[in-house]
Structures are given as C-alpha cells and as structure tokens.
Protein backbone atom coordinates (compact mmCIF):
# COMPACT_ATOMS: atom_id res chain seq x y z
CA UNK A 1 67.05 59.51 115.84
CA UNK A 2 63.90 57.81 117.20
CA UNK A 3 60.55 57.99 115.45
CA UNK A 4 57.31 56.27 116.34
CA UNK A 5 55.56 54.24 113.62
CA UNK A 6 52.45 52.04 113.68
CA UNK A 7 54.72 48.94 113.68
CA UNK A 8 57.09 50.16 116.42
CA UNK A 9 59.93 52.67 116.25
CA UNK A 10 62.59 53.54 113.72
CA UNK A 11 66.11 54.18 114.95
CA UNK A 12 68.73 56.08 112.94
CA UNK A 13 72.19 54.64 113.49
CA UNK A 14 75.74 55.55 112.51
CA UNK A 15 77.72 52.29 112.47
CA UNK A 16 81.45 52.08 113.16
CA UNK A 17 82.46 48.56 112.04
CA UNK A 18 85.69 46.87 113.07
CA UNK A 19 85.64 48.11 116.69
CA UNK A 20 87.05 46.17 119.65
CA UNK A 21 83.52 45.54 120.97
CA UNK A 22 79.93 46.31 120.02
CA UNK A 23 78.53 49.16 122.09
CA UNK A 24 76.64 52.44 121.92
CA UNK A 25 79.29 55.16 121.88
CA UNK A 26 77.24 58.37 121.63
CA UNK A 27 75.34 60.53 119.18
CA UNK A 28 76.47 61.45 115.67
CA UNK A 29 75.10 64.74 114.31
CA UNK A 30 72.54 67.12 115.75
CA UNK A 31 68.83 67.83 115.67
CA UNK A 32 66.66 65.93 113.19
CA UNK A 33 69.77 64.45 111.53
CA UNK A 34 71.11 62.95 114.78
CA UNK A 35 71.99 59.25 114.75
CA UNK A 36 72.86 56.85 117.53
CA UNK A 37 76.54 55.97 117.13
CA UNK A 38 77.24 52.27 117.61
CA UNK A 39 80.67 50.67 117.43
CA UNK A 40 80.39 47.21 115.87
CA UNK A 41 82.92 44.44 116.47
CA UNK A 42 82.18 42.71 113.17
CA UNK A 43 83.84 43.85 109.93
CA UNK A 44 81.74 45.40 107.13
CA UNK A 45 82.09 42.29 104.98
CA UNK A 46 79.31 40.10 103.61
CA UNK A 47 76.68 41.69 105.86
CA UNK A 48 78.43 40.66 109.09
CA UNK A 49 78.27 44.17 110.58
CA UNK A 50 74.53 44.35 109.86
CA UNK A 51 74.00 40.93 111.45
CA UNK A 52 75.94 42.06 114.52
CA UNK A 53 73.86 45.24 114.73
CA UNK A 54 70.61 43.26 114.49
CA UNK A 55 71.76 40.97 117.31
CA UNK A 56 72.93 43.90 119.44
CA UNK A 57 69.70 45.87 118.93
CA UNK A 58 67.55 42.79 119.64
CA UNK A 59 69.41 42.28 122.93
CA UNK A 60 69.36 46.00 123.86
CA UNK A 61 65.64 46.39 123.21
CA UNK A 62 64.66 42.91 124.46
CA UNK A 63 63.03 41.78 121.23
CA UNK A 64 63.68 38.76 118.99
CA UNK A 65 66.08 39.26 116.09
CA UNK A 66 63.14 38.83 113.73
CA UNK A 67 61.68 42.09 115.14
CA UNK A 68 64.72 44.11 113.99
CA UNK A 69 64.91 45.07 110.32
CA UNK A 70 67.29 47.27 108.32
CA UNK A 71 65.04 49.71 106.45
CA UNK A 72 67.71 51.84 104.75
CA UNK A 73 71.48 51.98 104.49
CA UNK A 74 72.28 48.29 104.23
CA UNK A 75 75.62 49.10 102.57
CA UNK A 76 76.21 52.43 104.33
CA UNK A 77 77.44 53.47 107.76
CA UNK A 78 74.22 55.49 108.16
CA UNK A 79 71.29 53.14 108.66
CA UNK A 80 67.68 53.17 109.78
CA UNK A 81 66.34 50.16 111.67
CA UNK A 82 62.74 49.26 112.42
CA UNK A 83 62.20 47.81 115.90
CA UNK A 84 58.82 46.06 115.73
CA UNK A 85 56.68 46.10 118.85
CA UNK A 86 58.85 48.66 120.67
CA UNK A 87 57.30 51.88 121.97
CA UNK A 88 59.17 55.17 121.88
CA UNK A 89 59.21 55.27 125.69
CA UNK A 90 60.68 51.78 125.91
CA UNK A 91 63.31 52.67 123.30
CA UNK A 92 64.34 55.81 125.20
CA UNK A 93 64.56 53.84 128.44
CA UNK A 94 66.72 51.13 126.84
CA UNK A 95 69.10 53.66 125.29
CA UNK A 96 69.30 55.71 128.49
CA UNK A 97 70.12 52.53 130.42
CA UNK A 98 73.43 52.46 128.53
CA UNK A 99 74.42 55.43 130.76
CA UNK A 100 75.73 57.39 127.77
CA UNK A 101 72.73 59.42 126.77
CA UNK A 102 69.99 61.25 128.56
CA UNK A 103 66.46 61.07 127.18
CA UNK A 104 66.57 64.76 126.19
CA UNK A 105 69.07 64.04 123.39
CA UNK A 106 66.75 61.43 121.87
C-alpha cells in the first residue's frame, strides 16, 4: 500500500464515498494488492470525494494540499496518491497514529 519514490511516497487507497465522516477504516485486500481503506464523507460527484481525500491526506500527513496528487483511479474507488516530500517512515507513523493499523501491515 505504501511505496517509496524519489518524489515522496505513493499510497494505494480504497475509497468509500458517502460515509458519515472521513476516516481511515482499515485495510482492503492483502499483500502487494493491499489498500488503505478510507471512508469519505463527500459524495462521488464532480470530484468532491477526490477533493475530500486530498484534504484528508494533506491533514493526516501534515503536508499542503498541493503536495497530494491523484496518480491513478480518479474515477474509481481504487486510487493511488502521491504524497510529495513524505518519507516512508513518516507515512507509516502517520497511519499508525490513527490507532487502526500497526506498521507491520503497511
């Protein structure tokens, strides 16, 4: 779900739009195909869910919104985001801080 790149890290996400609140809810899939499952309050209309995910990821990883980019899956529930300037260690720490996942599952 997390991969290091020269620009930062990529994060595979499984979005669940239309939820009561935006939050990390667990892991979807296993092994190399695992994705971080995130419930998104915004509906999947006119890019609102993607905008909500960008804002949520920017806040979670303490980066500006401009440092978060959808690489693939703009119209899909399965997405890959690039988090510019984030190290893999920092990403694991931020996700683990949500108290849902341990760093071994990343």
